[in-house]
Amino acid sequence: MSMFVAVMIRATNLFANSLIILLIVRMVLSWVYPNIRNMVVFWVWRLTEPFLDPVRRLLPVGGRFDWSPVVVLVLVSIGQALLVRFFYTLS
């Protein structure tokens, strides 16, 4: 395996796993009605909103449950698996 492929696989995994953790933290925080002035909450919201907003606009409005984090989690997991598999085929 070349160095480029190894770096790309690590970068893909790091990005995807970080985003998954942030999305899970955001889902848990949404259950406890966090104070947005808290810096941790602010940054979790700020880092995840660019991924959630486009999905939220595509999903139909219904009920009180926001499905966008679940959809983004699934899409990130699928994208991660496909990219890692693609990089392995390059080596």
PDB file of N, CA and C in Angstrom:
ATOM      1  N   MET A   1       0.855  -1.167   0.000  1.00  0.00           N
ATOM      2  CA  MET A   1       0.000   0.000   0.000  1.00  0.00           C
ATOM      3  C   MET A   1       0.905   1.236   0.000  1.00  0.00           C
ATOM      4  N   SER A   2       0.583   2.158  -0.872  1.00  0.00           N
ATOM      5  CA  SER A   2       1.400   3.367  -0.950  1.00  0.00           C
ATOM      6  C   SER A   2       1.095   4.300   0.218  1.00  0.00           C
ATOM      7  N   MET A   3       2.013   5.210   0.430  1.00  0.00           N
ATOM      8  CA  MET A   3       1.861   6.174   1.524  1.00  0.00           C
ATOM      9  C   MET A   3       0.637   7.064   1.279  1.00  0.00           C
ATOM     10  N   PHE A   4       0.401   7.457   0.030  1.00  0.00           N
ATOM     11  CA  PHE A   4      -0.742   8.299  -0.297  1.00  0.00           C
ATOM     12  C   PHE A   4      -2.054   7.616   0.068  1.00  0.00           C
ATOM     13  N   VAL A   5      -2.185   6.352  -0.279  1.00  0.00           N
ATOM     14  CA  VAL A   5      -3.405   5.605   0.015  1.00  0.00           C
ATOM     15  C   VAL A   5      -3.606   5.481   1.520  1.00  0.00           C
ATOM     16  N   ALA A   6      -2.538   5.200   2.239  1.00  0.00           N
ATOM     17  CA  ALA A   6      -2.636   5.071   3.697  1.00  0.00           C
ATOM     18  C   ALA A   6      -3.074   6.384   4.338  1.00  0.00           C
ATOM     19  N   VAL A   7      -2.521   7.496   3.864  1.00  0.00           N
ATOM     20  CA  VAL A   7      -2.897   8.810   4.404  1.00  0.00           C
ATOM     21  C   VAL A   7      -4.350   9.133   4.074  1.00  0.00           C
ATOM     22  N   MET A   8      -4.769   8.833   2.863  1.00  0.00           N
ATOM     23  CA  MET A   8      -6.157   9.116   2.478  1.00  0.00           C
ATOM     24  C   MET A   8      -7.147   8.273   3.284  1.00  0.00           C
ATOM     25  N   ILE A   9      -6.808   7.028   3.545  1.00  0.00           N
ATOM     26  CA  ILE A   9      -7.684   6.171   4.357  1.00  0.00           C
ATOM     27  C   ILE A   9      -7.765   6.703   5.785  1.00  0.00           C
ATOM     28  N   ARG A  10      -6.628   7.081   6.348  1.00  0.00           N
ATOM     29  CA  ARG A  10      -6.641   7.634   7.712  1.00  0.00           C
ATOM     30  C   ARG A  10      -7.414   8.944   7.779  1.00  0.00           C
ATOM     31  N   ALA A  11      -7.241   9.812   6.783  1.00  0.00           N
ATOM     32  CA  ALA A  11      -7.954  11.095   6.769  1.00  0.00           C
ATOM     33  C   ALA A  11      -9.457  10.880   6.628  1.00  0.00           C
ATOM     34  N   THR A  12      -9.847   9.956   5.781  1.00  0.00           N
ATOM     35  CA  THR A  12     -11.270   9.640   5.608  1.00  0.00           C
ATOM     36  C   THR A  12     -11.868   9.118   6.905  1.00  0.00           C
ATOM     37  N   ASN A  13     -11.176   8.190   7.536  1.00  0.00           N
ATOM     38  CA  ASN A  13     -11.671   7.630   8.797  1.00  0.00           C
ATOM     39  C   ASN A  13     -11.721   8.676   9.904  1.00  0.00           C
ATOM     40  N   LEU A  14     -10.697   9.517   9.979  1.00  0.00           N
ATOM     41  CA  LEU A  14     -10.682  10.564  11.003  1.00  0.00           C
ATOM     42  C   LEU A  14     -11.843  11.532  10.821  1.00  0.00           C
ATOM     43  N   PHE A  15     -12.058  11.991   9.587  1.00  0.00           N
ATOM     44  CA  PHE A  15     -13.155  12.924   9.320  1.00  0.00           C
ATOM     45  C   PHE A  15     -14.511  12.283   9.612  1.00  0.00           C
ATOM     46  N   ALA A  16     -14.727  11.085   9.088  1.00  0.00           N
ATOM     47  CA  ALA A  16     -16.023  10.426   9.260  1.00  0.00           C
ATOM     48  C   ALA A  16     -16.298  10.112  10.728  1.00  0.00           C
ATOM     49  N   ASN A  17     -15.316   9.586  11.430  1.00  0.00           N
ATOM     50  CA  ASN A  17     -15.528   9.244  12.844  1.00  0.00           C
ATOM     51  C   ASN A  17     -15.737  10.489  13.707  1.00  0.00           C
ATOM     52  N   SER A  18     -15.026  11.567  13.396  1.00  0.00           N
ATOM     53  CA  SER A  18     -15.233  12.821  14.135  1.00  0.00           C
ATOM     54  C   SER A  18     -16.642  13.358  13.910  1.00  0.00           C
ATOM     55  N   LEU A  19     -17.094  13.318  12.665  1.00  0.00           N
ATOM     56  CA  LEU A  19     -18.442  13.791  12.361  1.00  0.00           C
ATOM     57  C   LEU A  19     -19.505  12.921  13.026  1.00  0.00           C
ATOM     58  N   ILE A  20     -19.298  11.632  13.044  1.00  0.00           N
ATOM     59  CA  ILE A  20     -20.246  10.729  13.702  1.00  0.00           C
ATOM     60  C   ILE A  20     -20.322  11.036  15.195  1.00  0.00           C
ATOM     61  N   ILE A  21     -19.190  11.243  15.830  1.00  0.00           N
ATOM     62  CA  ILE A  21     -19.182  11.577  17.260  1.00  0.00           C
ATOM     63  C   ILE A  21     -19.898  12.902  17.500  1.00  0.00           C
ATOM     64  N   LEU A  22     -19.622  13.911  16.672  1.00  0.00           N
ATOM     65  CA  LEU A  22     -20.292  15.210  16.822  1.00  0.00           C
ATOM     66  C   LEU A  22     -21.800  15.086  16.641  1.00  0.00           C
ATOM     67  N   LEU A  23     -22.230  14.278  15.686  1.00  0.00           N
ATOM     68  CA  LEU A  23     -23.666  14.095  15.463  1.00  0.00           C
ATOM     69  C   LEU A  23     -24.328  13.386  16.644  1.00  0.00           C
ATOM     70  N   ILE A  24     -23.656  12.405  17.210  1.00  0.00           N
ATOM     71  CA  ILE A  24     -24.215  11.714  18.374  1.00  0.00           C
ATOM     72  C   ILE A  24     -24.290  12.666  19.563  1.00  0.00           C
ATOM     73  N   VAL A  25     -23.252  13.472  19.770  1.00  0.00           N
ATOM     74  CA  VAL A  25     -23.279  14.465  20.847  1.00  0.00           C
ATOM     75  C   VAL A  25     -24.427  15.443  20.625  1.00  0.00           C
ATOM     76  N   ARG A  26     -24.623  15.874  19.382  1.00  0.00           N
ATOM     77  CA  ARG A  26     -25.712  16.809  19.093  1.00  0.00           C
ATOM     78  C   ARG A  26     -27.075  16.175  19.374  1.00  0.00           C
ATOM     79  N   MET A  27     -27.244  14.915  19.017  1.00  0.00           N
ATOM     80  CA  MET A  27     -28.524  14.254  19.289  1.00  0.00           C
ATOM     81  C   MET A  27     -28.782  14.157  20.794  1.00  0.00           C
ATOM     82  N   VAL A  28     -27.756  13.813  21.556  1.00  0.00           N
ATOM     83  CA  VAL A  28     -27.919  13.726  23.013  1.00  0.00           C
ATOM     84  C   VAL A  28     -28.206  15.108  23.594  1.00  0.00           C
ATOM     85  N   LEU A  29     -27.491  16.121  23.118  1.00  0.00           N
ATOM     86  CA  LEU A  29     -27.725  17.480  23.612  1.00  0.00           C
ATOM     87  C   LEU A  29     -29.134  17.970  23.289  1.00  0.00           C
ATOM     88  N   SER A  30     -29.686  17.537  22.169  1.00  0.00           N
ATOM     89  CA  SER A  30     -31.029  17.999  21.815  1.00  0.00           C
ATOM     90  C   SER A  30     -32.084  17.466  22.774  1.00  0.00           C
ATOM     91  N   TRP A  31     -31.787  16.388  23.474  1.00  0.00           N
ATOM     92  CA  TRP A  31     -32.737  15.839  24.438  1.00  0.00           C
ATOM     93  C   TRP A  31     -32.772  16.633  25.729  1.00  0.00           C
ATOM     94  N   VAL A  32     -31.691  17.360  26.046  1.00  0.00           N
ATOM     95  CA  VAL A  32     -31.617  18.050  27.327  1.00  0.00           C
ATOM     96  C   VAL A  32     -31.779  19.567  27.210  1.00  0.00           C
ATOM     97  N   TYR A  33     -32.132  20.051  26.029  1.00  0.00           N
ATOM     98  CA  TYR A  33     -32.321  21.491  25.788  1.00  0.00           C
ATOM     99  C   TYR A  33     -31.125  22.311  26.289  1.00  0.00           C
ATOM    100  N   PRO A  34     -30.019  22.221  25.563  1.00  0.00           N
ATOM    101  CA  PRO A  34     -28.787  22.869  26.044  1.00  0.00           C
ATOM    102  C   PRO A  34     -28.826  24.386  25.889  1.00  0.00           C
ATOM    103  N   ASN A  35     -27.955  25.027  26.630  1.00  0.00           N
ATOM    104  CA  ASN A  35     -27.783  26.470  26.545  1.00  0.00           C
ATOM    105  C   ASN A  35     -26.822  26.744  25.386  1.00  0.00           C
ATOM    106  N   ILE A  36     -27.296  27.409  24.340  1.00  0.00           N
ATOM    107  CA  ILE A  36     -26.491  27.643  23.147  1.00  0.00           C
ATOM    108  C   ILE A  36     -25.315  28.572  23.424  1.00  0.00           C
ATOM    109  N   ARG A  37     -25.348  29.293  24.540  1.00  0.00           N
ATOM    110  CA  ARG A  37     -24.221  30.180  24.889  1.00  0.00           C
ATOM    111  C   ARG A  37     -23.022  29.404  25.435  1.00  0.00           C
ATOM    112  N   ASN A  38     -23.236  28.143  25.782  1.00  0.00           N
ATOM    113  CA  ASN A  38     -22.129  27.288  26.190  1.00  0.00           C
ATOM    114  C   ASN A  38     -21.253  27.043  24.959  1.00  0.00           C
ATOM    115  N   MET A  39     -19.936  27.216  25.101  1.00  0.00           N
ATOM    116  CA  MET A  39     -19.030  27.131  23.953  1.00  0.00           C
ATOM    117  C   MET A  39     -18.994  25.739  23.330  1.00  0.00           C
ATOM    118  N   VAL A  40     -19.076  24.694  24.136  1.00  0.00           N
ATOM    119  CA  VAL A  40     -19.076  23.338  23.582  1.00  0.00           C
ATOM    120  C   VAL A  40     -20.320  23.118  22.745  1.00  0.00           C
ATOM    121  N   VAL A  41     -21.468  23.502  23.273  1.00  0.00           N
ATOM    122  CA  VAL A  41     -22.728  23.359  22.544  1.00  0.00           C
ATOM    123  C   VAL A  41     -22.697  24.200  21.280  1.00  0.00           C
ATOM    124  N   PHE A  42     -22.201  25.410  21.382  1.00  0.00           N
ATOM    125  CA  PHE A  42     -22.125  26.302  20.230  1.00  0.00           C
ATOM    126  C   PHE A  42     -21.308  25.669  19.102  1.00  0.00           C
ATOM    127  N   TRP A  43     -20.147  25.114  19.433  1.00  0.00           N
ATOM    128  CA  TRP A  43     -19.293  24.538  18.396  1.00  0.00           C
ATOM    129  C   TRP A  43     -19.841  23.230  17.845  1.00  0.00           C
ATOM    130  N   VAL A  44     -20.496  22.445  18.674  1.00  0.00           N
ATOM    131  CA  VAL A  44     -21.131  21.227  18.159  1.00  0.00           C
ATOM    132  C   VAL A  44     -22.208  21.603  17.148  1.00  0.00           C
ATOM    133  N   TRP A  45     -23.020  22.606  17.493  1.00  0.00           N
ATOM    134  CA  TRP A  45     -24.072  23.062  16.574  1.00  0.00           C
ATOM    135  C   TRP A  45     -23.446  23.636  15.297  1.00  0.00           C
ATOM    136  N   ARG A  46     -22.426  24.446  15.464  1.00  0.00           N
ATOM    137  CA  ARG A  46     -21.807  25.111  14.312  1.00  0.00           C
ATOM    138  C   ARG A  46     -21.126  24.116  13.363  1.00  0.00           C
ATOM    139  N   LEU A  47     -20.526  23.066  13.873  1.00  0.00           N
ATOM    140  CA  LEU A  47     -19.835  22.088  13.042  1.00  0.00           C
ATOM    141  C   LEU A  47     -20.775  21.088  12.378  1.00  0.00           C
ATOM    142  N   THR A  48     -21.929  20.830  12.984  1.00  0.00           N
ATOM    143  CA  THR A  48     -22.843  19.839  12.417  1.00  0.00           C
ATOM    144  C   THR A  48     -23.941  20.440  11.549  1.00  0.00           C
ATOM    145  N   GLU A  49     -24.268  21.680  11.757  1.00  0.00           N
ATOM    146  CA  GLU A  49     -25.384  22.289  11.012  1.00  0.00           C
ATOM    147  C   GLU A  49     -25.186  22.300   9.493  1.00  0.00           C
ATOM    148  N   PRO A  50     -23.974  22.531   8.967  1.00  0.00           N
ATOM    149  CA  PRO A  50     -23.819  22.478   7.508  1.00  0.00           C
ATOM    150  C   PRO A  50     -24.156  21.117   6.896  1.00  0.00           C
ATOM    151  N   PHE A  51     -24.067  20.053   7.668  1.00  0.00           N
ATOM    152  CA  PHE A  51     -24.416  18.729   7.172  1.00  0.00           C
ATOM    153  C   PHE A  51     -25.894  18.423   7.372  1.00  0.00           C
ATOM    154  N   LEU A  52     -26.475  18.978   8.429  1.00  0.00           N
ATOM    155  CA  LEU A  52     -27.867  18.663   8.752  1.00  0.00           C
ATOM    156  C   LEU A  52     -28.866  19.526   7.987  1.00  0.00           C
ATOM    157  N   ASP A  53     -28.548  20.768   7.756  1.00  0.00           N
ATOM    158  CA  ASP A  53     -29.507  21.684   7.137  1.00  0.00           C
ATOM    159  C   ASP A  53     -29.951  21.248   5.742  1.00  0.00           C
ATOM    160  N   PRO A  54     -29.051  20.859   4.836  1.00  0.00           N
ATOM    161  CA  PRO A  54     -29.521  20.421   3.514  1.00  0.00           C
ATOM    162  C   PRO A  54     -30.406  19.180   3.581  1.00  0.00           C
ATOM    163  N   VAL A  55     -30.083  18.263   4.483  1.00  0.00           N
ATOM    164  CA  VAL A  55     -30.902  17.056   4.628  1.00  0.00           C
ATOM    165  C   VAL A  55     -32.254  17.418   5.217  1.00  0.00           C
ATOM    166  N   ARG A  56     -32.259  18.325   6.178  1.00  0.00           N
ATOM    167  CA  ARG A  56     -33.510  18.760   6.807  1.00  0.00           C
ATOM    168  C   ARG A  56     -34.450  19.389   5.783  1.00  0.00           C
ATOM    169  N   ARG A  57     -33.886  20.121   4.825  1.00  0.00           N
ATOM    170  CA  ARG A  57     -34.720  20.739   3.781  1.00  0.00           C
ATOM    171  C   ARG A  57     -35.315  19.709   2.837  1.00  0.00           C
ATOM    172  N   LEU A  58     -34.650  18.572   2.648  1.00  0.00           N
ATOM    173  CA  LEU A  58     -35.147  17.533   1.744  1.00  0.00           C
ATOM    174  C   LEU A  58     -36.193  16.633   2.393  1.00  0.00           C
ATOM    175  N   LEU A  59     -36.110  16.478   3.700  1.00  0.00           N
ATOM    176  CA  LEU A  59     -37.027  15.583   4.400  1.00  0.00           C
ATOM    177  C   LEU A  59     -38.388  16.249   4.601  1.00  0.00           C
ATOM    178  N   PRO A  60     -39.459  15.473   4.523  1.00  0.00           N
ATOM    179  CA  PRO A  60     -40.774  16.050   4.789  1.00  0.00           C
ATOM    180  C   PRO A  60     -40.929  16.403   6.262  1.00  0.00           C
ATOM    181  N   VAL A  61     -41.687  17.447   6.527  1.00  0.00           N
ATOM    182  CA  VAL A  61     -41.936  17.876   7.905  1.00  0.00           C
ATOM    183  C   VAL A  61     -42.997  16.956   8.495  1.00  0.00           C
ATOM    184  N   GLY A  62     -42.680  16.426   9.644  1.00  0.00           N
ATOM    185  CA  GLY A  62     -43.642  15.541  10.282  1.00  0.00           C
ATOM    186  C   GLY A  62     -43.221  15.187  11.685  1.00  0.00           C
ATOM    187  N   GLY A  63     -44.095  15.432  12.615  1.00  0.00           N
ATOM    188  CA  GLY A  63     -43.811  15.071  13.995  1.00  0.00           C
ATOM    189  C   GLY A  63     -42.780  15.978  14.635  1.00  0.00           C
ATOM    190  N   ARG A  64     -42.410  15.609  15.830  1.00  0.00           N
ATOM    191  CA  ARG A  64     -41.454  16.415  16.591  1.00  0.00           C
ATOM    192  C   ARG A  64     -40.047  15.869  16.487  1.00  0.00           C
ATOM    193  N   PHE A  65     -39.882  14.721  15.865  1.00  0.00           N
ATOM    194  CA  PHE A  65     -38.572  14.089  15.785  1.00  0.00           C
ATOM    195  C   PHE A  65     -37.847  14.556  14.536  1.00  0.00           C
ATOM    196  N   ASP A  66     -36.606  14.980  14.708  1.00  0.00           N
ATOM    197  CA  ASP A  66     -35.774  15.427  13.597  1.00  0.00           C
ATOM    198  C   ASP A  66     -34.962  14.229  13.093  1.00  0.00           C
ATOM    199  N   TRP A  67     -35.281  13.751  11.901  1.00  0.00           N
ATOM    200  CA  TRP A  67     -34.625  12.589  11.330  1.00  0.00           C
ATOM    201  C   TRP A  67     -33.308  12.918  10.643  1.00  0.00           C
ATOM    202  N   SER A  68     -32.989  14.194  10.465  1.00  0.00           N
ATOM    203  CA  SER A  68     -31.797  14.562   9.702  1.00  0.00           C
ATOM    204  C   SER A  68     -30.495  14.013  10.312  1.00  0.00           C
ATOM    205  N   PRO A  69     -30.288  14.004  11.632  1.00  0.00           N
ATOM    206  CA  PRO A  69     -29.048  13.412  12.145  1.00  0.00           C
ATOM    207  C   PRO A  69     -28.921  11.920  11.834  1.00  0.00           C
ATOM    208  N   VAL A  70     -30.029  11.212  11.860  1.00  0.00           N
ATOM    209  CA  VAL A  70     -30.003   9.782  11.566  1.00  0.00           C
ATOM    210  C   VAL A  70     -29.639   9.563  10.097  1.00  0.00           C
ATOM    211  N   VAL A  71     -30.241  10.354   9.214  1.00  0.00           N
ATOM    212  CA  VAL A  71     -29.955  10.245   7.784  1.00  0.00           C
ATOM    213  C   VAL A  71     -28.491  10.576   7.509  1.00  0.00           C
ATOM    214  N   VAL A  72     -27.989  11.642   8.130  1.00  0.00           N
ATOM    215  CA  VAL A  72     -26.591  12.028   7.924  1.00  0.00           C
ATOM    216  C   VAL A  72     -25.658  10.962   8.483  1.00  0.00           C
ATOM    217  N   LEU A  73     -25.980  10.369   9.620  1.00  0.00           N
ATOM    218  CA  LEU A  73     -25.162   9.282  10.167  1.00  0.00           C
ATOM    219  C   LEU A  73     -25.064   8.119   9.183  1.00  0.00           C
ATOM    220  N   VAL A  74     -26.180   7.749   8.603  1.00  0.00           N
ATOM    221  CA  VAL A  74     -26.186   6.650   7.640  1.00  0.00           C
ATOM    222  C   VAL A  74     -25.379   7.026   6.398  1.00  0.00           C
ATOM    223  N   LEU A  75     -25.586   8.243   5.890  1.00  0.00           N
ATOM    224  CA  LEU A  75     -24.859   8.676   4.694  1.00  0.00           C
ATOM    225  C   LEU A  75     -23.357   8.765   4.939  1.00  0.00           C
ATOM    226  N   VAL A  76     -22.955   9.262   6.097  1.00  0.00           N
ATOM    227  CA  VAL A  76     -21.528   9.355   6.418  1.00  0.00           C
ATOM    228  C   VAL A  76     -20.926   7.954   6.535  1.00  0.00           C
ATOM    229  N   SER A  77     -21.626   7.037   7.154  1.00  0.00           N
ATOM    230  CA  SER A  77     -21.119   5.668   7.294  1.00  0.00           C
ATOM    231  C   SER A  77     -20.968   4.986   5.937  1.00  0.00           C
ATOM    232  N   ILE A  78     -21.966   5.157   5.087  1.00  0.00           N
ATOM    233  CA  ILE A  78     -21.893   4.576   3.737  1.00  0.00           C
ATOM    234  C   ILE A  78     -20.766   5.227   2.942  1.00  0.00           C
ATOM    235  N   GLY A  79     -20.668   6.561   3.007  1.00  0.00           N
ATOM    236  CA  GLY A  79     -19.607   7.263   2.295  1.00  0.00           C
ATOM    237  C   GLY A  79     -18.228   6.851   2.770  1.00  0.00           C
ATOM    238  N   GLN A  80     -18.073   6.689   4.067  1.00  0.00           N
ATOM    239  CA  GLN A  80     -16.791   6.252   4.632  1.00  0.00           C
ATOM    240  C   GLN A  80     -16.423   4.872   4.099  1.00  0.00           C
ATOM    241  N   ALA A  81     -17.356   3.948   4.133  1.00  0.00           N
ATOM    242  CA  ALA A  81     -17.078   2.590   3.665  1.00  0.00           C
ATOM    243  C   ALA A  81     -16.722   2.579   2.187  1.00  0.00           C
ATOM    244  N   LEU A  82     -17.455   3.345   1.380  1.00  0.00           N
ATOM    245  CA  LEU A  82     -17.177   3.389  -0.054  1.00  0.00           C
ATOM    246  C   LEU A  82     -15.830   4.021  -0.360  1.00  0.00           C
ATOM    247  N   LEU A  83     -15.498   5.113   0.331  1.00  0.00           N
ATOM    248  CA  LEU A  83     -14.215   5.770   0.089  1.00  0.00           C
ATOM    249  C   LEU A  83     -13.041   4.903   0.511  1.00  0.00           C
ATOM    250  N   VAL A  84     -13.148   4.266   1.664  1.00  0.00           N
ATOM    251  CA  VAL A  84     -12.059   3.393   2.127  1.00  0.00           C
ATOM    252  C   VAL A  84     -11.882   2.230   1.157  1.00  0.00           C
ATOM    253  N   ARG A  85     -12.982   1.645   0.716  1.00  0.00           N
ATOM    254  CA  ARG A  85     -12.887   0.554  -0.265  1.00  0.00           C
ATOM    255  C   ARG A  85     -12.249   1.036  -1.560  1.00  0.00           C
ATOM    256  N   PHE A  86     -12.624   2.244  -2.003  1.00  0.00           N
ATOM    257  CA  PHE A  86     -12.039   2.814  -3.210  1.00  0.00           C
ATOM    258  C   PHE A  86     -10.539   3.007  -3.046  1.00  0.00           C
ATOM    259  N   PHE A  87     -10.109   3.544  -1.907  1.00  0.00           N
ATOM    260  CA  PHE A  87      -8.679   3.755  -1.686  1.00  0.00           C
ATOM    261  C   PHE A  87      -7.915   2.430  -1.614  1.00  0.00           C
ATOM    262  N   TYR A  88      -8.524   1.396  -1.075  1.00  0.00           N
ATOM    263  CA  TYR A  88      -7.865   0.093  -1.053  1.00  0.00           C
ATOM    264  C   TYR A  88      -7.682  -0.471  -2.467  1.00  0.00           C
ATOM    265  N   THR A  89      -8.618  -0.162  -3.370  1.00  0.00           N
ATOM    266  CA  THR A  89      -8.467  -0.643  -4.736  1.00  0.00           C
ATOM    267  C   THR A  89      -7.345   0.078  -5.479  1.00  0.00           C
ATOM    268  N   LEU A  90      -6.954   1.262  -5.000  1.00  0.00           N
ATOM    269  CA  LEU A  90      -5.863   1.999  -5.638  1.00  0.00           C
ATOM    270  C   LEU A  90      -4.510   1.381  -5.338  1.00  0.00           C
ATOM    271  N   SER A  91      -4.422   0.634  -4.252  1.00  0.00           N
ATOM    272  CA  SER A  91      -3.109   0.105  -3.863  1.00  0.00           C
ATOM    273  C   SER A  91      -2.809  -1.223  -4.523  1.00  0.00           C
TER     274      SER A  91
END
